[in-house]
Amino acid sequence: MINAIQTALSGLASAAKKVEATASNVANLTTVGSLDDPDKAPYTPLTTKQTALADSNGNGLGVRAEFFPKDPAFTAAYSPNSPFANEDGIIGVPNVDLAEEAVNLSIAKHAYKASTSVIKTANEMQEELLNVFDKRV
């Protein structure tokens, strides 16, 4: 049961990373920048990658999530009045798709629910086991 809880907790942490990346992307949706000056580049959106964890025998130990920059990080847009515009009036805007971010939040929500269900079930099993031992002793 400890493994189940450990796995579920890693799932919760992984879902939290996905939410954190989505929140950062949405918050910085309008953080534009220069395509020519790397010091004034637009916001680089984040994505997460999950990696399965296992022991030396191949037994699952949960997941680990890491942040990665989205590729491509930004797209060109015409905004000649922007202080970041080049001689052609082009600026960089973050490559953030709000529909994709909404899907990421939904995925994280379901991952939270699944992980909390595992924790709840493991807790119920542990309580039942203790009740069985209590009745026999």
Protein backbone atom coordinates (compact mmCIF):
# COMPACT_ATOMS: atom_id res chain seq x y z
CA MET A 1 0.00 0.00 0.00
CA ILE A 2 2.93 2.30 0.58
CA ASN A 3 3.92 1.91 -3.09
CA ALA A 4 0.40 2.85 -4.18
CA ILE A 5 0.50 6.01 -2.10
CA GLN A 6 4.01 6.86 -3.32
CA THR A 7 2.87 6.39 -6.91
CA ALA A 8 -0.26 8.48 -6.35
CA LEU A 9 1.75 11.27 -4.72
CA SER A 10 4.10 11.34 -7.70
CA GLY A 11 1.02 11.59 -9.93
CA LEU A 12 -0.23 14.54 -7.89
CA ALA A 13 3.15 16.26 -8.19
CA SER A 14 3.21 15.62 -11.93
CA ALA A 15 -0.27 17.08 -12.37
CA ALA A 16 0.78 20.10 -10.31
CA LYS A 17 3.69 20.70 -12.72
CA LYS A 18 1.27 20.60 -15.65
CA VAL A 19 -0.97 23.16 -13.93
CA GLU A 20 2.05 25.33 -13.11
CA ALA A 21 3.20 25.32 -16.75
CA THR A 22 -0.31 26.15 -17.97
CA ALA A 23 -0.69 28.97 -15.45
CA SER A 24 2.64 30.46 -16.49
CA ASN A 25 1.76 30.20 -20.18
CA VAL A 26 -1.64 31.85 -19.76
CA ALA A 27 -0.24 34.58 -17.49
CA ASN A 28 2.46 35.42 -20.04
CA LEU A 29 0.29 35.11 -23.12
CA THR A 30 0.86 38.77 -24.03
CA THR A 31 4.53 38.98 -23.06
CA VAL A 32 5.88 39.88 -26.49
CA GLY A 33 9.46 40.63 -27.40
CA SER A 34 12.07 41.11 -30.05
CA LEU A 35 12.93 38.48 -32.63
CA ASP A 36 16.36 40.07 -33.14
CA ASP A 37 17.55 40.76 -29.58
CA PRO A 38 17.86 37.64 -27.39
CA ASP A 39 17.93 39.82 -24.25
CA LYS A 40 14.45 41.13 -25.12
CA ALA A 41 12.99 37.88 -26.44
CA PRO A 42 9.32 37.09 -25.89
CA TYR A 43 8.19 34.74 -23.14
CA THR A 44 9.11 31.12 -23.83
CA PRO A 45 6.10 28.90 -23.10
CA LEU A 46 6.56 25.75 -21.02
CA THR A 47 5.44 22.21 -21.55
CA THR A 48 5.87 19.20 -19.30
CA LYS A 49 7.21 15.76 -19.99
CA GLN A 50 6.43 12.82 -17.75
CA THR A 51 8.87 9.98 -17.24
CA ALA A 52 7.93 6.66 -15.64
CA LEU A 53 10.03 5.70 -12.64
CA ALA A 54 10.92 2.09 -11.89
CA ASP A 55 13.22 0.18 -9.60
CA SER A 56 15.94 -2.20 -10.80
CA ASN A 57 13.36 -5.00 -11.12
CA GLY A 58 11.08 -2.94 -13.33
CA ASN A 59 8.49 -2.32 -10.61
CA GLY A 60 6.73 0.99 -11.08
CA LEU A 61 7.55 3.76 -8.64
CA GLY A 62 5.43 6.52 -10.12
CA VAL A 63 6.23 9.35 -12.49
CA ARG A 64 8.43 12.42 -12.65
CA ALA A 65 7.45 15.54 -14.56
CA GLU A 66 9.89 18.12 -15.85
CA PHE A 67 9.49 21.49 -17.56
CA PHE A 68 10.69 21.93 -21.12
CA PRO A 69 10.54 24.99 -23.35
CA LYS A 70 7.91 24.71 -26.06
CA ASP A 71 9.30 24.41 -29.57
CA PRO A 72 8.82 26.68 -31.41
CA ALA A 73 8.72 29.09 -28.50
CA PHE A 74 7.24 32.03 -30.36
CA THR A 75 5.80 33.16 -33.64
CA ALA A 76 6.14 36.35 -35.64
CA ALA A 77 3.39 38.97 -35.59
CA TYR A 78 3.02 42.36 -37.19
CA SER A 79 3.01 45.20 -34.65
CA PRO A 80 4.88 48.21 -36.06
CA ASN A 81 4.20 50.40 -32.99
CA SER A 82 5.71 47.97 -30.53
CA PRO A 83 9.05 48.94 -28.98
CA PHE A 84 10.22 45.41 -29.87
CA ALA A 85 9.39 45.70 -33.58
CA ASN A 86 12.17 45.27 -36.11
CA GLU A 87 12.48 47.44 -39.22
CA ASP A 88 9.64 45.43 -40.83
CA GLY A 89 7.33 45.93 -37.83
CA ILE A 90 7.60 42.28 -36.75
CA ILE A 91 7.66 41.17 -33.11
CA GLY A 92 7.72 37.78 -31.41
CA VAL A 93 4.64 36.54 -29.57
CA PRO A 94 4.59 33.46 -27.33
CA ASN A 95 3.40 30.28 -29.02
CA VAL A 96 0.53 29.71 -26.59
CA ASP A 97 -2.73 28.12 -27.68
CA LEU A 98 -5.49 28.70 -25.12
CA ALA A 99 -7.41 25.64 -26.32
CA GLU A 100 -4.33 23.48 -25.72
CA GLU A 101 -3.89 25.01 -22.27
CA ALA A 102 -7.55 24.27 -21.43
CA VAL A 103 -6.99 20.64 -22.44
CA ASN A 104 -3.85 20.52 -20.26
CA LEU A 105 -5.88 21.77 -17.28
CA SER A 106 -8.51 19.10 -17.92
CA ILE A 107 -5.83 16.41 -18.10
CA ALA A 108 -4.34 17.65 -14.82
CA LYS A 109 -7.79 17.68 -13.19
CA HIS A 110 -8.39 14.05 -14.12
CA ALA A 111 -4.89 13.09 -12.99
CA TYR A 112 -5.58 14.74 -9.60
CA LYS A 113 -8.85 12.83 -9.30
CA ALA A 114 -7.24 9.52 -10.22
CA SER A 115 -4.35 10.01 -7.80
CA THR A 116 -6.59 11.05 -4.92
CA SER A 117 -8.80 8.02 -5.60
CA VAL A 118 -5.75 5.77 -5.33
CA ILE A 119 -4.81 7.37 -2.00
CA LYS A 120 -8.37 7.02 -0.71
CA THR A 121 -8.56 3.36 -1.76
CA ALA A 122 -5.16 2.58 -0.21
CA ASN A 123 -6.31 4.21 3.01
CA GLU A 124 -9.53 2.18 3.02
CA MET A 125 -7.58 -1.03 2.43
CA GLN A 126 -5.19 -0.20 5.26
CA GLU A 127 -8.11 0.51 7.62
CA GLU A 128 -9.78 -2.77 6.66
CA LEU A 129 -6.55 -4.66 7.22
CA LEU A 130 -6.17 -3.11 10.66
CA ASN A 131 -9.78 -3.98 11.47
CA VAL A 132 -9.15 -7.63 10.52
CA PHE A 133 -6.08 -7.78 12.78
CA ASP A 134 -7.98 -6.03 15.56
CA LYS A 135 -10.79 -8.61 15.44
CA ARG A 136 -8.34 -11.52 15.56
CA VAL A 137 -6.31 -10.19 18.48
